[in-house]
Amino acid sequence: MKFQNKIKQLTIVLLTASIAVGCASQQKQETAPKADKGPSASSVAIANAKAAMKKAKAVGYLWRDTGKFIKKAEKAAKGGNEGKAVKLANKARSQAEMAVKQYYYEQGIERALPSMEDTGMAYSVIKGDSLWGIAGKDGVYGNPYQWPLIYKANSDKIQDADLIFPGQEFDINTSASDEEASAAVNHAKTRGAWSIGVAEESDKAYLAK
């Protein structure tokens, strides 16, 4: 009888210990911090668009559709459509920046009003970005092999095409000709060996063309 009681007590102790371990494990999983992936491309683009819109509003030259584009961008981002969100946000930012330039132009300040051919946009580099990744985004070129276009348009800001930094502001040439796009793709595919920290001779030759 005493033996059976000891068996029961031992069983209760083991069950209690098992439950305690399970609860501790679950609590550890629930409180484990999530990895910081940094801001999304759409959130950065929307923030930049809002900042540009604020400047346009400050000088009283805010265009009617700028705010609408930002709202559409936020809606697209909420729905998980990063490419569409970035594209709409960049369009809003471009409008706002053009509105400010128009203000300076009409005030007689020596700043040129963008021509109809000036259809570029800006991109803010975030953690984890690369020229390859940026070019491949739907809101940019949708083709990673066109990264040399970004490199050439920002050669004054990029010392090494394989090394860019968060916070850098890149101009995106959205009006590149078919010939320029083809040359960029060809360079990306035939670039040869590369190393981080130095500008490759093949890249220098591409910029010189």
Protein backbone atom coordinates (compact mmCIF):
# COMPACT_ATOMS: atom_id res chain seq x y z
CA MET A 1 0.00 0.00 0.00
CA LYS A 2 2.87 2.33 0.94
CA PHE A 3 4.59 1.45 -2.34
CA GLN A 4 1.47 2.43 -4.34
CA ASN A 5 1.22 5.75 -2.49
CA LYS A 6 4.86 6.52 -3.31
CA ILE A 7 4.20 5.72 -6.99
CA LYS A 8 1.22 8.11 -7.02
CA GLN A 9 3.25 10.87 -5.35
CA LEU A 10 6.10 10.42 -7.83
CA THR A 11 3.66 10.57 -10.76
CA ILE A 12 2.15 13.83 -9.45
CA VAL A 13 5.60 15.36 -9.04
CA LEU A 14 6.60 14.42 -12.60
CA LEU A 15 3.36 15.78 -14.08
CA THR A 16 3.75 19.06 -12.15
CA ALA A 17 7.34 19.44 -13.35
CA SER A 18 6.30 18.72 -16.96
CA ILE A 19 3.56 21.36 -16.85
CA ALA A 20 5.94 23.91 -15.32
CA VAL A 21 8.53 23.32 -18.04
CA GLY A 22 5.85 23.59 -20.74
CA CYS A 23 4.57 26.89 -19.35
CA ALA A 24 8.09 28.30 -19.08
CA SER A 25 8.84 27.27 -22.67
CA GLN A 26 5.62 28.83 -23.94
CA GLN A 27 6.28 32.04 -22.00
CA LYS A 28 9.78 32.20 -23.48
CA GLN A 29 8.38 31.83 -27.00
CA GLU A 30 5.74 34.48 -26.41
CA THR A 31 8.20 37.02 -25.02
CA ALA A 32 11.00 36.38 -27.51
CA PRO A 33 11.75 39.64 -29.35
CA LYS A 34 11.09 39.74 -33.05
CA ALA A 35 13.96 40.35 -35.42
CA ASP A 36 14.24 43.95 -36.57
CA LYS A 37 13.88 43.92 -40.34
CA GLY A 38 13.99 47.70 -40.63
CA PRO A 39 11.43 49.92 -42.37
CA SER A 40 9.84 48.71 -45.60
CA ALA A 41 10.53 50.42 -48.91
CA SER A 42 6.94 51.68 -49.03
CA SER A 43 7.06 53.21 -45.54
CA VAL A 44 10.26 55.08 -46.41
CA ALA A 45 8.83 56.27 -49.74
CA ILE A 46 5.59 57.43 -48.09
CA ALA A 47 7.50 59.28 -45.35
CA ASN A 48 9.61 61.05 -47.99
CA ALA A 49 6.48 61.96 -49.95
CA LYS A 50 4.84 63.43 -46.85
CA ALA A 51 7.96 65.47 -46.07
CA ALA A 52 8.00 66.84 -49.63
CA MET A 53 4.28 67.59 -49.47
CA LYS A 54 4.83 69.51 -46.22
CA LYS A 55 7.39 71.75 -47.97
CA ALA A 56 5.04 72.38 -50.90
CA LYS A 57 2.23 73.22 -48.51
CA ALA A 58 4.48 75.63 -46.60
CA VAL A 59 5.00 77.77 -49.71
CA GLY A 60 1.34 77.51 -50.73
CA TYR A 61 1.99 75.54 -53.92
CA LEU A 62 0.63 72.11 -53.03
CA TRP A 63 -0.90 70.35 -56.03
CA ARG A 64 -4.40 68.96 -55.73
CA ASP A 65 -3.60 65.28 -56.38
CA THR A 66 -0.46 64.95 -54.23
CA GLY A 67 -2.33 64.08 -51.05
CA LYS A 68 -4.55 61.65 -52.96
CA PHE A 69 -1.52 59.77 -54.27
CA ILE A 70 -0.15 59.44 -50.74
CA LYS A 71 -3.46 58.05 -49.45
CA LYS A 72 -3.53 55.55 -52.32
CA ALA A 73 0.07 54.60 -51.52
CA GLU A 74 -0.82 53.99 -47.87
CA LYS A 75 -3.78 51.87 -48.93
CA ALA A 76 -1.60 49.82 -51.29
CA ALA A 77 1.04 49.34 -48.58
CA LYS A 78 -1.63 48.21 -46.11
CA GLY A 79 -2.82 45.69 -48.70
CA GLY A 80 0.70 44.31 -49.11
CA ASN A 81 1.33 45.75 -52.58
CA GLU A 82 4.82 47.21 -51.97
CA GLY A 83 5.59 47.96 -55.62
CA LYS A 84 2.40 49.94 -56.19
CA ALA A 85 2.80 51.77 -52.88
CA VAL A 86 6.37 52.86 -53.68
CA LYS A 87 5.38 53.96 -57.18
CA LEU A 88 2.47 56.07 -55.92
CA ALA A 89 4.52 57.57 -53.10
CA ASN A 90 7.34 58.49 -55.46
CA LYS A 91 4.82 60.10 -57.80
CA ALA A 92 3.45 62.18 -54.93
CA ARG A 93 6.95 63.18 -53.90
CA SER A 94 7.87 64.13 -57.46
CA GLN A 95 4.74 66.31 -57.70
CA ALA A 96 5.50 68.05 -54.42
CA GLU A 97 9.12 68.73 -55.35
CA MET A 98 8.06 70.08 -58.73
CA ALA A 99 5.51 72.33 -57.04
CA VAL A 100 8.24 73.82 -54.83
CA LYS A 101 10.47 74.37 -57.86
CA GLN A 102 7.55 76.06 -59.61
CA TYR A 103 7.18 78.38 -56.63
CA TYR A 104 10.84 79.41 -56.79
CA TYR A 105 10.60 79.90 -60.53
CA GLU A 106 7.55 82.17 -60.29
CA GLN A 107 9.15 84.12 -57.47
CA GLY A 108 12.08 84.91 -59.73
CA ILE A 109 14.52 82.86 -57.69
CA GLU A 110 17.26 81.28 -59.79
CA ARG A 111 16.06 77.71 -59.77
CA ALA A 112 15.07 76.10 -63.04
CA LEU A 113 11.59 74.69 -63.47
CA PRO A 114 11.83 70.99 -64.46
CA SER A 115 11.19 70.29 -68.13
CA MET A 116 8.73 67.69 -69.38
CA GLU A 117 11.69 65.39 -69.97
CA ASP A 118 12.60 65.46 -66.27
CA THR A 119 10.70 62.35 -65.27
CA GLY A 120 13.10 60.95 -62.70
CA MET A 121 12.29 60.02 -59.13
CA ALA A 122 14.19 59.63 -55.90
CA TYR A 123 14.89 56.55 -53.79
CA SER A 124 16.05 56.48 -50.16
CA VAL A 125 18.35 53.57 -49.37
CA ILE A 126 17.32 51.41 -46.40
CA LYS A 127 19.12 48.69 -44.48
CA GLY A 128 19.66 45.59 -46.61
CA ASP A 129 19.39 47.41 -49.94
CA SER A 130 21.71 46.81 -52.90
CA LEU A 131 21.70 48.31 -56.38
CA TRP A 132 20.63 44.90 -57.68
CA GLY A 133 17.70 44.77 -55.24
CA ILE A 134 16.61 48.36 -55.83
CA ALA A 135 16.59 47.95 -59.62
CA GLY A 136 14.53 44.79 -59.27
CA LYS A 137 11.72 46.50 -57.34
CA ASP A 138 8.42 46.89 -59.21
CA GLY A 139 8.34 50.57 -58.39
CA VAL A 140 11.78 51.13 -59.93
CA TYR A 141 12.80 49.10 -63.02
CA GLY A 142 11.42 45.65 -62.20
CA ASN A 143 14.67 44.23 -63.60
CA PRO A 144 17.69 43.77 -61.28
CA TYR A 145 20.07 43.65 -64.27
CA GLN A 146 19.38 47.36 -64.85
CA TRP A 147 21.21 48.34 -61.64
CA PRO A 148 24.04 50.02 -63.64
CA LEU A 149 21.52 52.75 -64.59
CA ILE A 150 21.27 53.69 -60.91
CA TYR A 151 25.04 53.47 -60.56
CA LYS A 152 25.63 55.82 -63.49
CA ALA A 153 22.98 58.32 -62.37
CA ASN A 154 24.55 58.49 -58.91
CA SER A 155 28.24 57.96 -59.65
CA ASP A 156 29.04 61.05 -57.58
CA LYS A 157 27.49 59.39 -54.52
CA ILE A 158 28.65 55.80 -55.03
CA GLN A 159 32.32 54.97 -54.65
CA ASP A 160 31.82 51.23 -55.08
CA ALA A 161 28.77 49.77 -56.84
CA ASP A 162 28.77 46.89 -54.36
CA LEU A 163 28.68 49.12 -51.31
CA ILE A 164 25.80 51.52 -50.61
CA PHE A 165 24.56 52.84 -47.26
CA PRO A 166 21.18 53.43 -45.55
CA GLY A 167 20.09 57.04 -45.80
CA GLN A 168 21.66 57.69 -49.20
CA GLU A 169 19.35 59.45 -51.66
CA PHE A 170 19.56 58.12 -55.21
CA ASP A 171 18.14 59.65 -58.38
CA ILE A 172 16.32 57.07 -60.50
CA ASN A 173 16.38 57.73 -64.25
CA THR A 174 12.93 56.62 -65.37
CA SER A 175 13.39 57.96 -68.90
CA ALA A 176 16.39 55.85 -69.89
CA SER A 177 16.38 54.92 -73.58
CA ASP A 178 16.24 51.32 -74.80
CA GLU A 179 19.88 51.65 -75.78
CA GLU A 180 20.89 52.81 -72.31
CA ALA A 181 18.89 50.03 -70.65
CA SER A 182 20.43 47.45 -72.97
CA ALA A 183 23.95 48.72 -72.21
CA ALA A 184 23.21 48.53 -68.48
CA VAL A 185 21.99 44.95 -68.69
CA ASN A 186 24.98 43.96 -70.80
CA HIS A 187 27.38 45.45 -68.26
CA ALA A 188 25.62 43.70 -65.37
CA LYS A 189 25.95 40.35 -67.12
CA THR A 190 29.56 40.76 -68.31
CA ARG A 191 31.00 42.75 -65.43
CA GLY A 192 33.38 40.02 -64.30
CA ALA A 193 34.93 39.52 -60.86
CA TRP A 194 34.28 42.13 -58.18
CA SER A 195 35.21 42.90 -54.58
CA ILE A 196 33.72 45.16 -51.93
CA GLY A 197 35.45 48.43 -51.11
CA VAL A 198 37.02 49.27 -54.46
CA ALA A 199 35.66 50.46 -57.79
CA GLU A 200 36.14 47.75 -60.42
CA GLU A 201 37.85 48.70 -63.66
CA SER A 202 34.89 47.33 -65.61
CA ASP A 203 32.58 49.70 -63.72
CA LYS A 204 34.87 52.65 -64.47
CA ALA A 205 34.82 51.71 -68.14
CA TYR A 206 31.01 51.57 -68.10
CA LEU A 207 30.78 55.04 -66.54
CA ALA A 208 33.16 56.44 -69.14
CA LYS A 209 30.92 55.39 -72.04
